[in-house]
Amino acid sequence: MEAVSNLNNLYKKDFYAWIKEQARLLKTNEFNQLDIANLVEEVESMGSSEVRELESRFEILLMHLLKWKYQPNSRSVSWELTIKEQRKRIAVRIKKMPSLKTLLNETMLEAYDIAIYEAAKETKLSLKAFPDLCEWDLKQVLDDQFYPS
C-alpha cells in the first residue's frame, strides 16, 4: 500500500518519472504495484485527446471552407493547401483509429460552432454573415474535390 502511495506522490511531483515507473512495473509483471487509479485516468485522457485533435482539425478545415465561400476574392493557394492538409490529417487519424469514425459527424458539428468565430475573426465579417448551422454534410466536408462556391 505504501508503494502505491509513493507512486501517487510521484504522479503529482514528476509525471515523466511516474510514467517510466508504470512502464517498468508493467514490463516486469508487477501489476499489484501499479498506480491503477492514476493509470486509468491517463488512459482515458489519451482517448479524449484523440477526439480533441479530431475536433481541432475540423475547426481549421471548416474555418477555411467558410473563408473560401464567403471571401471568394481572397482565395489563395495557402487556403487550398490548408483545406487539403486538414482533410488528409483527418483521414490519417481515422485510418489509425477507425473507431473514431463513429464520432466524425458529431465532432464536425461541434467544431463548426468554433469555426464560425474563427472565420469571422480572420475575414472581419460579422458572425451573422455565416449560417448558425453547418451548410455542408460530412461527406462534402471530407471530399477532396469539394470547395464551396
N, C-alpha and C. Protein backbone atom coordinates (compact mmCIF):
# COMPACT_ATOMS: atom_id res chain seq x y z
N MET A 1 0.83 -1.19 0.00
CA MET A 1 0.00 0.00 0.00
C MET A 1 0.87 1.25 0.00
N GLU A 2 1.99 1.19 0.72
CA GLU A 2 2.89 2.34 0.77
C GLU A 2 3.49 2.62 -0.60
N ALA A 3 3.77 1.56 -1.37
CA ALA A 3 4.34 1.73 -2.70
C ALA A 3 3.37 2.49 -3.60
N VAL A 4 2.07 2.17 -3.52
CA VAL A 4 1.06 2.86 -4.32
C VAL A 4 0.98 4.31 -3.90
N SER A 5 1.04 4.58 -2.60
CA SER A 5 1.03 5.95 -2.09
C SER A 5 2.23 6.73 -2.61
N ASN A 6 3.39 6.08 -2.62
CA ASN A 6 4.60 6.73 -3.15
C ASN A 6 4.45 7.03 -4.63
N LEU A 7 3.82 6.10 -5.38
CA LEU A 7 3.60 6.33 -6.80
C LEU A 7 2.63 7.48 -7.02
N ASN A 8 1.61 7.58 -6.18
CA ASN A 8 0.67 8.68 -6.29
C ASN A 8 1.38 10.02 -6.06
N ASN A 9 2.29 10.05 -5.11
CA ASN A 9 3.09 11.26 -4.88
C ASN A 9 3.98 11.55 -6.09
N LEU A 10 4.58 10.52 -6.64
CA LEU A 10 5.43 10.68 -7.81
C LEU A 10 4.61 11.22 -8.98
N TYR A 11 3.39 10.72 -9.13
CA TYR A 11 2.48 11.17 -10.19
C TYR A 11 2.28 12.68 -10.10
N LYS A 12 2.12 13.18 -8.89
CA LYS A 12 1.88 14.61 -8.68
C LYS A 12 3.14 15.45 -8.84
N LYS A 13 4.29 14.88 -8.50
CA LYS A 13 5.53 15.67 -8.48
C LYS A 13 6.37 15.56 -9.74
N ASP A 14 6.36 14.38 -10.38
CA ASP A 14 7.21 14.16 -11.56
C ASP A 14 6.51 13.16 -12.49
N PHE A 15 5.66 13.70 -13.33
CA PHE A 15 4.83 12.88 -14.19
C PHE A 15 5.66 11.95 -15.09
N TYR A 16 6.74 12.47 -15.63
CA TYR A 16 7.57 11.66 -16.51
C TYR A 16 8.17 10.47 -15.76
N ALA A 17 8.69 10.71 -14.56
CA ALA A 17 9.24 9.62 -13.75
C ALA A 17 8.15 8.60 -13.42
N TRP A 18 6.95 9.09 -13.15
CA TRP A 18 5.81 8.21 -12.85
C TRP A 18 5.52 7.30 -14.05
N ILE A 19 5.51 7.88 -15.25
CA ILE A 19 5.25 7.10 -16.47
C ILE A 19 6.32 6.01 -16.63
N LYS A 20 7.57 6.39 -16.46
CA LYS A 20 8.66 5.42 -16.60
C LYS A 20 8.50 4.27 -15.60
N GLU A 21 8.10 4.61 -14.38
CA GLU A 21 7.92 3.58 -13.35
C GLU A 21 6.73 2.68 -13.67
N GLN A 22 5.64 3.27 -14.17
CA GLN A 22 4.48 2.45 -14.55
C GLN A 22 4.86 1.49 -15.68
N ALA A 23 5.62 1.96 -16.64
CA ALA A 23 6.06 1.11 -17.75
C ALA A 23 6.94 -0.02 -17.22
N ARG A 24 7.84 0.30 -16.31
CA ARG A 24 8.72 -0.73 -15.74
C ARG A 24 7.91 -1.79 -15.01
N LEU A 25 6.93 -1.34 -14.22
CA LEU A 25 6.09 -2.29 -13.48
C LEU A 25 5.29 -3.18 -14.42
N LEU A 26 4.80 -2.62 -15.51
CA LEU A 26 4.06 -3.43 -16.49
C LEU A 26 4.98 -4.46 -17.15
N LYS A 27 6.17 -4.02 -17.54
CA LYS A 27 7.12 -4.91 -18.22
C LYS A 27 7.57 -6.06 -17.32
N THR A 28 7.65 -5.80 -16.03
CA THR A 28 8.13 -6.83 -15.09
C THR A 28 6.98 -7.57 -14.41
N ASN A 29 5.77 -7.37 -14.93
CA ASN A 29 4.57 -8.05 -14.41
C ASN A 29 4.30 -7.79 -12.93
N GLU A 30 4.69 -6.63 -12.46
CA GLU A 30 4.44 -6.26 -11.06
C GLU A 30 3.13 -5.46 -10.97
N PHE A 31 2.06 -6.11 -11.41
CA PHE A 31 0.77 -5.45 -11.53
C PHE A 31 0.21 -4.96 -10.20
N ASN A 32 0.52 -5.66 -9.13
CA ASN A 32 -0.01 -5.26 -7.81
C ASN A 32 0.65 -3.96 -7.31
N GLN A 33 1.72 -3.53 -7.95
CA GLN A 33 2.41 -2.29 -7.56
C GLN A 33 1.96 -1.07 -8.38
N LEU A 34 1.16 -1.32 -9.42
CA LEU A 34 0.74 -0.24 -10.31
C LEU A 34 -0.15 0.78 -9.59
N ASP A 35 -0.05 2.01 -10.03
CA ASP A 35 -0.90 3.10 -9.55
C ASP A 35 -2.16 3.10 -10.43
N ILE A 36 -3.06 2.17 -10.15
CA ILE A 36 -4.20 1.91 -11.02
C ILE A 36 -5.09 3.14 -11.22
N ALA A 37 -5.42 3.85 -10.16
CA ALA A 37 -6.33 5.00 -10.26
C ALA A 37 -5.80 6.03 -11.25
N ASN A 38 -4.54 6.40 -11.09
CA ASN A 38 -3.97 7.40 -11.99
C ASN A 38 -3.71 6.83 -13.38
N LEU A 39 -3.39 5.56 -13.44
CA LEU A 39 -3.17 4.91 -14.74
C LEU A 39 -4.45 4.90 -15.57
N VAL A 40 -5.58 4.57 -14.93
CA VAL A 40 -6.88 4.59 -15.62
C VAL A 40 -7.19 6.00 -16.11
N GLU A 41 -6.95 6.98 -15.26
CA GLU A 41 -7.22 8.37 -15.63
C GLU A 41 -6.41 8.79 -16.85
N GLU A 42 -5.15 8.38 -16.88
CA GLU A 42 -4.28 8.74 -18.00
C GLU A 42 -4.69 8.03 -19.29
N VAL A 43 -5.09 6.78 -19.19
CA VAL A 43 -5.53 6.05 -20.39
C VAL A 43 -6.80 6.69 -20.95
N GLU A 44 -7.74 7.04 -20.08
CA GLU A 44 -8.95 7.72 -20.52
C GLU A 44 -8.62 9.08 -21.15
N SER A 45 -7.68 9.77 -20.58
CA SER A 45 -7.26 11.07 -21.08
C SER A 45 -6.68 10.96 -22.49
N MET A 46 -5.96 9.87 -22.75
CA MET A 46 -5.39 9.67 -24.07
C MET A 46 -6.50 9.59 -25.12
N GLY A 47 -7.59 8.91 -24.81
CA GLY A 47 -8.72 8.84 -25.74
C GLY A 47 -9.35 10.19 -25.97
N SER A 48 -9.49 10.95 -24.91
CA SER A 48 -10.07 12.30 -25.03
C SER A 48 -9.19 13.20 -25.89
N SER A 49 -7.89 13.05 -25.77
CA SER A 49 -7.00 13.91 -26.56
C SER A 49 -7.10 13.60 -28.05
N GLU A 50 -7.38 12.35 -28.38
CA GLU A 50 -7.57 12.00 -29.79
C GLU A 50 -8.82 12.67 -30.36
N VAL A 51 -9.88 12.72 -29.57
CA VAL A 51 -11.11 13.38 -30.00
C VAL A 51 -10.87 14.88 -30.12
N ARG A 52 -10.14 15.47 -29.17
CA ARG A 52 -9.82 16.91 -29.25
C ARG A 52 -9.00 17.21 -30.50
N GLU A 53 -8.07 16.33 -30.83
CA GLU A 53 -7.25 16.51 -32.04
C GLU A 53 -8.14 16.51 -33.28
N LEU A 54 -9.07 15.58 -33.34
CA LEU A 54 -10.00 15.50 -34.46
C LEU A 54 -10.85 16.77 -34.55
N GLU A 55 -11.33 17.23 -33.42
CA GLU A 55 -12.15 18.45 -33.39
C GLU A 55 -11.34 19.65 -33.87
N SER A 56 -10.10 19.74 -33.45
CA SER A 56 -9.23 20.83 -33.87
C SER A 56 -9.03 20.83 -35.39
N ARG A 57 -8.84 19.66 -35.95
CA ARG A 57 -8.68 19.54 -37.42
C ARG A 57 -9.94 20.01 -38.13
N PHE A 58 -11.10 19.62 -37.60
CA PHE A 58 -12.36 20.06 -38.20
C PHE A 58 -12.54 21.57 -38.08
N GLU A 59 -12.15 22.14 -36.95
CA GLU A 59 -12.27 23.60 -36.77
C GLU A 59 -11.49 24.34 -37.86
N ILE A 60 -10.25 23.91 -38.09
CA ILE A 60 -9.41 24.56 -39.11
C ILE A 60 -9.99 24.34 -40.50
N LEU A 61 -10.40 23.12 -40.79
CA LEU A 61 -10.96 22.79 -42.09
C LEU A 61 -12.23 23.61 -42.37
N LEU A 62 -13.15 23.60 -41.42
CA LEU A 62 -14.42 24.33 -41.61
C LEU A 62 -14.19 25.84 -41.70
N MET A 63 -13.27 26.37 -40.90
CA MET A 63 -12.97 27.79 -40.97
C MET A 63 -12.49 28.15 -42.38
N HIS A 64 -11.62 27.32 -42.95
CA HIS A 64 -11.12 27.63 -44.28
C HIS A 64 -12.17 27.42 -45.36
N LEU A 65 -13.06 26.46 -45.18
CA LEU A 65 -14.16 26.31 -46.14
C LEU A 65 -15.09 27.52 -46.08
N LEU A 66 -15.33 28.02 -44.87
CA LEU A 66 -16.15 29.23 -44.73
C LEU A 66 -15.47 30.43 -45.38
N LYS A 67 -14.19 30.59 -45.14
CA LYS A 67 -13.45 31.69 -45.75
C LYS A 67 -13.49 31.56 -47.28
N TRP A 68 -13.33 30.32 -47.76
CA TRP A 68 -13.35 30.05 -49.20
C TRP A 68 -14.67 30.51 -49.81
N LYS A 69 -15.76 30.19 -49.12
CA LYS A 69 -17.08 30.55 -49.66
C LYS A 69 -17.40 32.03 -49.50
N TYR A 70 -17.12 32.58 -48.34
CA TYR A 70 -17.59 33.92 -48.03
C TYR A 70 -16.59 35.03 -48.34
N GLN A 71 -15.39 34.68 -48.75
CA GLN A 71 -14.43 35.67 -49.24
C GLN A 71 -13.77 35.17 -50.52
N PRO A 72 -14.57 34.99 -51.57
CA PRO A 72 -14.04 34.41 -52.80
C PRO A 72 -12.90 35.22 -53.43
N ASN A 73 -12.89 36.52 -53.22
CA ASN A 73 -11.84 37.35 -53.81
C ASN A 73 -10.50 37.21 -53.08
N SER A 74 -10.52 36.57 -51.92
CA SER A 74 -9.29 36.41 -51.14
C SER A 74 -8.74 34.98 -51.21
N ARG A 75 -9.36 34.14 -52.00
CA ARG A 75 -8.92 32.75 -52.10
C ARG A 75 -7.45 32.70 -52.49
N SER A 76 -6.76 31.72 -51.89
CA SER A 76 -5.33 31.61 -52.17
C SER A 76 -4.92 30.14 -52.20
N VAL A 77 -3.74 29.92 -52.71
CA VAL A 77 -3.17 28.58 -52.71
C VAL A 77 -3.00 28.12 -51.26
N SER A 78 -2.64 29.03 -50.39
CA SER A 78 -2.47 28.71 -48.97
C SER A 78 -3.76 28.15 -48.38
N TRP A 79 -4.88 28.79 -48.66
CA TRP A 79 -6.17 28.30 -48.15
C TRP A 79 -6.46 26.91 -48.70
N GLU A 80 -6.24 26.76 -50.01
CA GLU A 80 -6.50 25.46 -50.65
C GLU A 80 -5.63 24.36 -50.03
N LEU A 81 -4.37 24.67 -49.80
CA LEU A 81 -3.47 23.67 -49.21
C LEU A 81 -3.84 23.36 -47.76
N THR A 82 -4.31 24.35 -47.04
CA THR A 82 -4.76 24.11 -45.66
C THR A 82 -5.97 23.20 -45.66
N ILE A 83 -6.90 23.41 -46.56
CA ILE A 83 -8.08 22.55 -46.68
C ILE A 83 -7.64 21.12 -46.99
N LYS A 84 -6.77 20.98 -47.97
CA LYS A 84 -6.28 19.64 -48.33
C LYS A 84 -5.55 18.98 -47.16
N GLU A 85 -4.70 19.75 -46.48
CA GLU A 85 -3.93 19.21 -45.36
C GLU A 85 -4.85 18.71 -44.24
N GLN A 86 -5.85 19.49 -43.90
CA GLN A 86 -6.73 19.10 -42.80
C GLN A 86 -7.55 17.86 -43.18
N ARG A 87 -8.00 17.79 -44.40
CA ARG A 87 -8.71 16.59 -44.86
C ARG A 87 -7.80 15.36 -44.76
N LYS A 88 -6.57 15.54 -45.17
CA LYS A 88 -5.60 14.43 -45.12
C LYS A 88 -5.32 14.01 -43.68
N ARG A 89 -5.14 15.00 -42.80
CA ARG A 89 -4.86 14.69 -41.39
C ARG A 89 -6.04 13.97 -40.73
N ILE A 90 -7.26 14.35 -41.08
CA ILE A 90 -8.44 13.66 -40.56
C ILE A 90 -8.47 12.23 -41.08
N ALA A 91 -8.22 12.06 -42.37
CA ALA A 91 -8.22 10.72 -42.97
C ALA A 91 -7.16 9.82 -42.32
N VAL A 92 -5.99 10.35 -42.08
CA VAL A 92 -4.91 9.58 -41.45
C VAL A 92 -5.32 9.17 -40.04
N ARG A 93 -5.90 10.10 -39.30
CA ARG A 93 -6.34 9.82 -37.92
C ARG A 93 -7.38 8.69 -37.91
N ILE A 94 -8.30 8.73 -38.85
CA ILE A 94 -9.36 7.71 -38.93
C ILE A 94 -8.75 6.37 -39.35
N LYS A 95 -7.77 6.41 -40.23
CA LYS A 95 -7.12 5.17 -40.65
C LYS A 95 -6.40 4.52 -39.47
N LYS A 96 -5.75 5.33 -38.65
CA LYS A 96 -5.02 4.81 -37.49
C LYS A 96 -5.95 4.39 -36.36
N MET A 97 -7.10 5.06 -36.27
CA MET A 97 -8.06 4.79 -35.18
C MET A 97 -9.48 4.73 -35.75
N PRO A 98 -9.82 3.64 -36.41
CA PRO A 98 -11.12 3.53 -37.09
C PRO A 98 -12.33 3.75 -36.18
N SER A 99 -12.20 3.49 -34.90
CA SER A 99 -13.36 3.68 -34.01
C SER A 99 -13.74 5.14 -33.88
N LEU A 100 -12.85 6.06 -34.23
CA LEU A 100 -13.19 7.49 -34.22
C LEU A 100 -14.21 7.84 -35.31
N LYS A 101 -14.33 6.97 -36.30
CA LYS A 101 -15.25 7.22 -37.41
C LYS A 101 -16.68 7.45 -36.92
N THR A 102 -17.05 6.78 -35.86
CA THR A 102 -18.42 6.93 -35.33
C THR A 102 -18.66 8.32 -34.74
N LEU A 103 -17.59 9.06 -34.48
CA LEU A 103 -17.70 10.39 -33.88
C LEU A 103 -17.56 11.53 -34.89
N LEU A 104 -17.30 11.20 -36.15
CA LEU A 104 -17.00 12.23 -37.14
C LEU A 104 -18.09 13.28 -37.29
N ASN A 105 -19.32 12.87 -37.51
CA ASN A 105 -20.38 13.84 -37.76
C ASN A 105 -20.60 14.73 -36.54
N GLU A 106 -20.70 14.13 -35.37
CA GLU A 106 -20.90 14.89 -34.14
C GLU A 106 -19.74 15.86 -33.89
N THR A 107 -18.53 15.38 -34.09
CA THR A 107 -17.35 16.21 -33.87
C THR A 107 -17.31 17.36 -34.86
N MET A 108 -17.65 17.08 -36.11
CA MET A 108 -17.68 18.13 -37.12
C MET A 108 -18.68 19.22 -36.74
N LEU A 109 -19.87 18.82 -36.33
CA LEU A 109 -20.89 19.80 -35.98
C LEU A 109 -20.49 20.63 -34.76
N GLU A 110 -19.85 20.00 -33.79
CA GLU A 110 -19.38 20.74 -32.62
C GLU A 110 -18.26 21.71 -33.01
N ALA A 111 -17.39 21.28 -33.91
CA ALA A 111 -16.29 22.13 -34.35
C ALA A 111 -16.79 23.33 -35.14
N TYR A 112 -17.91 23.18 -35.82
CA TYR A 112 -18.44 24.27 -36.62
C TYR A 112 -18.72 25.51 -35.76
N ASP A 113 -19.21 25.30 -34.56
CA ASP A 113 -19.51 26.42 -33.67
C ASP A 113 -18.27 27.28 -33.42
N ILE A 114 -17.12 26.67 -33.31
CA ILE A 114 -15.87 27.41 -33.12
C ILE A 114 -15.39 27.97 -34.46
N ALA A 115 -15.54 27.20 -35.51
CA ALA A 115 -15.05 27.61 -36.83
C ALA A 115 -15.68 28.92 -37.29
N ILE A 116 -16.95 29.14 -36.98
CA ILE A 116 -17.57 30.40 -37.43
C ILE A 116 -16.96 31.60 -36.70
N TYR A 117 -16.59 31.44 -35.45
CA TYR A 117 -15.93 32.52 -34.73
C TYR A 117 -14.56 32.81 -35.34
N GLU A 118 -13.83 31.75 -35.63
CA GLU A 118 -12.50 31.91 -36.22
C GLU A 118 -12.60 32.54 -37.61
N ALA A 119 -13.58 32.09 -38.39
CA ALA A 119 -13.77 32.65 -39.73
C ALA A 119 -14.15 34.13 -39.65
N ALA A 120 -15.00 34.48 -38.72
CA ALA A 120 -15.38 35.89 -38.54
C ALA A 120 -14.17 36.73 -38.17
N LYS A 121 -13.34 36.21 -37.27
CA LYS A 121 -12.12 36.93 -36.87
C LYS A 121 -11.19 37.15 -38.05
N GLU A 122 -10.97 36.12 -38.83
CA GLU A 122 -10.00 36.21 -39.92
C GLU A 122 -10.51 36.99 -41.12
N THR A 123 -11.82 36.91 -41.37
CA THR A 123 -12.38 37.60 -42.54
C THR A 123 -12.83 39.02 -42.20
N LYS A 124 -12.98 39.29 -40.92
CA LYS A 124 -13.52 40.55 -40.42
C LYS A 124 -14.99 40.75 -40.84
N LEU A 125 -15.64 39.63 -41.16
CA LEU A 125 -17.08 39.65 -41.44
C LEU A 125 -17.83 39.46 -40.12
N SER A 126 -19.07 39.88 -40.10
CA SER A 126 -19.91 39.70 -38.92
C SER A 126 -20.23 38.21 -38.74
N LEU A 127 -20.42 37.81 -37.50
CA LEU A 127 -20.85 36.43 -37.23
C LEU A 127 -22.14 36.12 -37.98
N LYS A 128 -22.96 37.13 -38.16
CA LYS A 128 -24.25 36.95 -38.84
C LYS A 128 -24.08 36.61 -40.32
N ALA A 129 -22.89 36.83 -40.85
CA ALA A 129 -22.64 36.50 -42.26
C ALA A 129 -22.60 34.99 -42.48
N PHE A 130 -22.38 34.25 -41.41
CA PHE A 130 -22.24 32.80 -41.51
C PHE A 130 -23.49 32.10 -40.96
N PRO A 131 -23.89 31.01 -41.59
CA PRO A 131 -25.06 30.27 -41.08
C PRO A 131 -24.80 29.72 -39.68
N ASP A 132 -25.84 29.68 -38.86
CA ASP A 132 -25.72 29.14 -37.50
C ASP A 132 -25.40 27.65 -37.52
N LEU A 133 -25.90 26.96 -38.52
CA LEU A 133 -25.66 25.52 -38.66
C LEU A 133 -24.83 25.27 -39.90
N CYS A 134 -24.00 24.27 -39.84
CA CYS A 134 -23.13 23.93 -40.96
C CYS A 134 -23.97 23.59 -42.19
N GLU A 135 -23.68 24.23 -43.29
CA GLU A 135 -24.46 24.04 -44.51
C GLU A 135 -24.00 22.86 -45.36
N TRP A 136 -22.93 22.22 -44.92
CA TRP A 136 -22.41 21.08 -45.67
C TRP A 136 -22.51 19.83 -44.82
N ASP A 137 -22.66 18.70 -45.49
CA ASP A 137 -22.67 17.45 -44.73
C ASP A 137 -21.24 16.90 -44.64
N LEU A 138 -21.09 15.88 -43.83
CA LEU A 138 -19.77 15.31 -43.57
C LEU A 138 -19.09 14.85 -44.86
N LYS A 139 -19.86 14.24 -45.74
CA LYS A 139 -19.29 13.74 -46.99
C LYS A 139 -18.69 14.87 -47.81
N GLN A 140 -19.39 16.00 -47.89
CA GLN A 140 -18.87 17.15 -48.63
C GLN A 140 -17.60 17.70 -47.97
N VAL A 141 -17.66 17.88 -46.67
CA VAL A 141 -16.54 18.47 -45.94
C VAL A 141 -15.27 17.65 -46.14
N LEU A 142 -15.40 16.35 -46.19
CA LEU A 142 -14.22 15.48 -46.32
C LEU A 142 -13.86 15.14 -47.77
N ASP A 143 -14.69 15.56 -48.71
CA ASP A 143 -14.46 15.27 -50.13
C ASP A 143 -13.33 16.15 -50.68
N ASP A 144 -12.28 15.52 -51.19
CA ASP A 144 -11.12 16.26 -51.70
C ASP A 144 -11.47 17.19 -52.87
N GLN A 145 -12.57 16.91 -53.55
CA GLN A 145 -12.94 17.73 -54.70
C GLN A 145 -13.91 18.86 -54.34
N PHE A 146 -14.39 18.87 -53.11
CA PHE A 146 -15.41 19.86 -52.71
C PHE A 146 -14.77 21.16 -52.23
N TYR A 147 -15.15 22.24 -52.90
CA TYR A 147 -14.82 23.59 -52.48
C TYR A 147 -16.08 24.42 -52.69
N PRO A 148 -16.64 24.96 -51.62
CA PRO A 148 -17.92 25.68 -51.76
C PRO A 148 -17.76 26.95 -52.62
N SER A 149 -18.79 27.20 -53.40
CA SER A 149 -18.73 28.40 -54.25
C SER A 149 -19.71 29.45 -53.78
